[in-house]
Amino acid sequence: MLNRQMGNSRYGRVFGLGSGVKRPHLMLLDEVHTYSGTTGAQVALLLRRWQHALGSRVQFTGLSATLRAAPEFFGQLVGLRPG
């Protein structure tokens, strides 16, 4: 939905895009272990595009009960440096 509506002037406001709208501070991602492979790369690019369009930093929080090496995986997904 984010990918589809980012360029929509009517609904972009929901995602903090446009003039005079409040910017989000937090994004919660559920089942992040599903964001691997090609889908993960596309989601990672989308999150970076969205954050760049906002012009401000967003705190990303991810949930997964089955993820191995979670800090490294999530860092790559949302564009954080290791550590």
N, C-alpha and C. Protein backbone atom coordinates (compact mmCIF):
# COMPACT_ATOMS: atom_id res chain seq x y z
N MET A 1 0.81 -1.19 0.00
CA MET A 1 0.00 0.00 0.00
C MET A 1 0.87 1.26 0.00
N LEU A 2 1.92 1.25 0.78
CA LEU A 2 2.82 2.41 0.82
C LEU A 2 3.37 2.69 -0.56
N ASN A 3 3.82 1.68 -1.26
CA ASN A 3 4.40 1.86 -2.58
C ASN A 3 3.38 2.46 -3.55
N ARG A 4 2.17 1.98 -3.48
CA ARG A 4 1.12 2.43 -4.40
C ARG A 4 0.67 3.86 -4.11
N GLN A 5 0.61 4.23 -2.85
CA GLN A 5 0.01 5.51 -2.48
C GLN A 5 1.01 6.64 -2.24
N MET A 6 2.31 6.36 -2.27
CA MET A 6 3.29 7.42 -2.02
C MET A 6 3.15 8.57 -3.01
N GLY A 7 2.85 8.27 -4.26
CA GLY A 7 2.73 9.30 -5.28
C GLY A 7 1.34 9.88 -5.42
N ASN A 8 0.40 9.40 -4.65
CA ASN A 8 -0.98 9.85 -4.73
C ASN A 8 -1.16 11.08 -3.83
N SER A 9 -1.47 12.22 -4.42
CA SER A 9 -1.58 13.46 -3.64
C SER A 9 -2.72 13.40 -2.62
N ARG A 10 -3.71 12.58 -2.88
CA ARG A 10 -4.84 12.48 -1.96
C ARG A 10 -4.50 11.64 -0.72
N TYR A 11 -3.78 10.54 -0.90
CA TYR A 11 -3.50 9.62 0.20
C TYR A 11 -2.08 9.71 0.73
N GLY A 12 -1.22 10.45 0.08
CA GLY A 12 0.14 10.60 0.56
C GLY A 12 0.20 11.18 1.96
N ARG A 13 -0.79 11.99 2.32
CA ARG A 13 -0.85 12.59 3.65
C ARG A 13 -0.91 11.53 4.75
N VAL A 14 -1.56 10.40 4.46
CA VAL A 14 -1.67 9.32 5.44
C VAL A 14 -0.28 8.83 5.84
N PHE A 15 0.66 8.89 4.91
CA PHE A 15 2.01 8.40 5.15
C PHE A 15 2.99 9.53 5.48
N GLY A 16 2.46 10.72 5.78
CA GLY A 16 3.30 11.84 6.18
C GLY A 16 3.89 12.62 5.04
N LEU A 17 3.38 12.44 3.84
CA LEU A 17 3.92 13.10 2.66
C LEU A 17 3.05 14.29 2.26
N GLY A 18 3.68 15.36 1.86
CA GLY A 18 2.96 16.56 1.46
C GLY A 18 3.26 17.70 2.41
N SER A 19 2.82 18.87 2.04
CA SER A 19 3.10 20.04 2.88
C SER A 19 2.05 20.18 3.97
N GLY A 20 2.50 20.61 5.12
CA GLY A 20 1.62 20.86 6.24
C GLY A 20 1.08 19.63 6.94
N VAL A 21 1.73 18.48 6.76
CA VAL A 21 1.28 17.26 7.43
C VAL A 21 2.29 16.86 8.50
N LYS A 22 1.82 16.20 9.52
CA LYS A 22 2.69 15.73 10.59
C LYS A 22 3.48 14.51 10.10
N ARG A 23 4.76 14.50 10.33
CA ARG A 23 5.63 13.41 9.91
C ARG A 23 5.59 12.27 10.93
N PRO A 24 5.55 11.05 10.46
CA PRO A 24 5.58 9.92 11.40
C PRO A 24 6.96 9.78 12.02
N HIS A 25 7.00 9.25 13.23
CA HIS A 25 8.26 9.04 13.93
C HIS A 25 8.62 7.57 14.04
N LEU A 26 7.65 6.69 13.81
CA LEU A 26 7.84 5.27 14.05
C LEU A 26 7.12 4.45 12.98
N MET A 27 7.77 3.37 12.54
CA MET A 27 7.11 2.41 11.66
C MET A 27 7.33 1.03 12.26
N LEU A 28 6.25 0.31 12.45
CA LEU A 28 6.29 -1.03 12.99
C LEU A 28 6.12 -2.03 11.85
N LEU A 29 7.09 -2.92 11.71
CA LEU A 29 7.05 -3.95 10.68
C LEU A 29 6.88 -5.31 11.34
N ASP A 30 5.82 -6.00 10.99
CA ASP A 30 5.53 -7.31 11.58
C ASP A 30 6.01 -8.41 10.64
N GLU A 31 6.40 -9.53 11.21
CA GLU A 31 6.86 -10.70 10.44
C GLU A 31 7.99 -10.34 9.47
N VAL A 32 9.01 -9.65 9.98
CA VAL A 32 10.08 -9.18 9.11
C VAL A 32 10.88 -10.30 8.46
N HIS A 33 10.78 -11.51 9.01
CA HIS A 33 11.50 -12.62 8.38
C HIS A 33 10.97 -12.91 6.97
N THR A 34 9.79 -12.41 6.64
CA THR A 34 9.25 -12.62 5.29
C THR A 34 9.88 -11.68 4.27
N TYR A 35 10.62 -10.67 4.74
CA TYR A 35 11.25 -9.71 3.84
C TYR A 35 12.65 -10.15 3.47
N SER A 36 12.74 -11.25 2.77
CA SER A 36 14.06 -11.73 2.33
C SER A 36 14.03 -11.89 0.81
N GLY A 37 15.19 -12.11 0.24
CA GLY A 37 15.28 -12.29 -1.21
C GLY A 37 14.86 -11.04 -1.97
N THR A 38 14.24 -11.25 -3.12
CA THR A 38 13.81 -10.14 -3.97
C THR A 38 12.79 -9.25 -3.27
N THR A 39 11.86 -9.86 -2.57
CA THR A 39 10.85 -9.09 -1.85
C THR A 39 11.50 -8.21 -0.80
N GLY A 40 12.45 -8.75 -0.09
CA GLY A 40 13.17 -7.98 0.92
C GLY A 40 13.92 -6.81 0.33
N ALA A 41 14.55 -7.02 -0.81
CA ALA A 41 15.27 -5.93 -1.48
C ALA A 41 14.32 -4.83 -1.91
N GLN A 42 13.16 -5.21 -2.41
CA GLN A 42 12.16 -4.22 -2.82
C GLN A 42 11.61 -3.44 -1.62
N VAL A 43 11.35 -4.14 -0.53
CA VAL A 43 10.87 -3.48 0.68
C VAL A 43 11.94 -2.54 1.23
N ALA A 44 13.18 -2.98 1.24
CA ALA A 44 14.27 -2.15 1.74
C ALA A 44 14.38 -0.86 0.93
N LEU A 45 14.30 -0.97 -0.39
CA LEU A 45 14.36 0.22 -1.24
C LEU A 45 13.16 1.13 -0.98
N LEU A 46 11.98 0.56 -0.84
CA LEU A 46 10.79 1.34 -0.57
C LEU A 46 10.91 2.11 0.74
N LEU A 47 11.40 1.46 1.79
CA LEU A 47 11.56 2.14 3.08
C LEU A 47 12.55 3.30 2.99
N ARG A 48 13.61 3.12 2.22
CA ARG A 48 14.58 4.19 2.03
C ARG A 48 13.97 5.35 1.24
N ARG A 49 13.22 5.02 0.18
CA ARG A 49 12.55 6.06 -0.62
C ARG A 49 11.57 6.85 0.24
N TRP A 50 10.79 6.16 1.04
CA TRP A 50 9.80 6.80 1.89
C TRP A 50 10.46 7.72 2.90
N GLN A 51 11.51 7.23 3.55
CA GLN A 51 12.20 8.04 4.55
C GLN A 51 12.83 9.27 3.90
N HIS A 52 13.38 9.09 2.72
CA HIS A 52 13.97 10.23 2.00
C HIS A 52 12.88 11.24 1.63
N ALA A 53 11.73 10.76 1.18
CA ALA A 53 10.62 11.66 0.83
C ALA A 53 10.10 12.43 2.04
N LEU A 54 10.15 11.81 3.20
CA LEU A 54 9.73 12.48 4.43
C LEU A 54 10.69 13.60 4.80
N GLY A 55 11.95 13.38 4.53
CA GLY A 55 12.96 14.36 4.90
C GLY A 55 13.31 14.31 6.37
N SER A 56 12.96 13.22 7.04
CA SER A 56 13.29 13.07 8.46
C SER A 56 13.52 11.60 8.78
N ARG A 57 14.18 11.37 9.89
CA ARG A 57 14.47 10.00 10.31
C ARG A 57 13.24 9.37 10.95
N VAL A 58 13.08 8.09 10.70
CA VAL A 58 12.00 7.31 11.28
C VAL A 58 12.61 6.18 12.07
N GLN A 59 12.05 5.88 13.23
CA GLN A 59 12.51 4.72 13.99
C GLN A 59 11.75 3.51 13.50
N PHE A 60 12.48 2.55 12.98
CA PHE A 60 11.88 1.30 12.51
C PHE A 60 11.96 0.27 13.63
N THR A 61 10.87 -0.43 13.84
CA THR A 61 10.80 -1.51 14.81
C THR A 61 10.28 -2.74 14.09
N GLY A 62 10.98 -3.86 14.23
CA GLY A 62 10.58 -5.07 13.53
C GLY A 62 10.27 -6.21 14.48
N LEU A 63 9.28 -6.99 14.14
CA LEU A 63 8.87 -8.14 14.94
C LEU A 63 9.03 -9.43 14.15
N SER A 64 9.59 -10.43 14.80
CA SER A 64 9.71 -11.75 14.21
C SER A 64 10.11 -12.72 15.31
N ALA A 65 9.45 -13.85 15.35
CA ALA A 65 9.77 -14.86 16.36
C ALA A 65 10.75 -15.90 15.82
N THR A 66 11.04 -15.87 14.54
CA THR A 66 11.84 -16.94 13.94
C THR A 66 13.10 -16.46 13.24
N LEU A 67 13.51 -15.25 13.47
CA LEU A 67 14.62 -14.68 12.73
C LEU A 67 15.96 -14.97 13.40
N ARG A 68 16.88 -15.51 12.63
CA ARG A 68 18.27 -15.70 13.11
C ARG A 68 19.07 -14.49 12.69
N ALA A 69 20.06 -14.16 13.48
CA ALA A 69 20.91 -12.98 13.21
C ALA A 69 20.05 -11.74 12.98
N ALA A 70 19.10 -11.53 13.88
CA ALA A 70 18.11 -10.47 13.74
C ALA A 70 18.71 -9.06 13.60
N PRO A 71 19.69 -8.68 14.41
CA PRO A 71 20.23 -7.32 14.26
C PRO A 71 20.81 -7.05 12.87
N GLU A 72 21.55 -8.01 12.35
CA GLU A 72 22.15 -7.83 11.02
C GLU A 72 21.08 -7.79 9.93
N PHE A 73 20.13 -8.72 10.01
CA PHE A 73 19.05 -8.78 9.02
C PHE A 73 18.26 -7.48 9.01
N PHE A 74 17.82 -7.04 10.19
CA PHE A 74 16.99 -5.85 10.27
C PHE A 74 17.77 -4.59 9.89
N GLY A 75 19.03 -4.54 10.26
CA GLY A 75 19.86 -3.41 9.89
C GLY A 75 19.97 -3.26 8.39
N GLN A 76 20.14 -4.36 7.69
CA GLN A 76 20.21 -4.30 6.22
C GLN A 76 18.87 -3.90 5.64
N LEU A 77 17.78 -4.38 6.22
CA LEU A 77 16.45 -4.07 5.70
C LEU A 77 16.14 -2.59 5.78
N VAL A 78 16.44 -1.96 6.91
CA VAL A 78 16.05 -0.56 7.10
C VAL A 78 17.19 0.43 6.89
N GLY A 79 18.37 -0.06 6.52
CA GLY A 79 19.47 0.83 6.19
C GLY A 79 20.28 1.33 7.36
N LEU A 80 20.41 0.50 8.39
CA LEU A 80 21.24 0.87 9.54
C LEU A 80 22.60 0.20 9.44
N ARG A 81 23.59 0.89 9.93
CA ARG A 81 24.94 0.30 9.95
C ARG A 81 25.02 -0.72 11.08
N PRO A 82 25.86 -1.72 10.92
CA PRO A 82 26.02 -2.72 12.01
C PRO A 82 26.45 -2.04 13.30
N GLY A 83 25.90 -2.54 14.41
CA GLY A 83 26.26 -1.99 15.70
C GLY A 83 25.32 -0.91 16.12
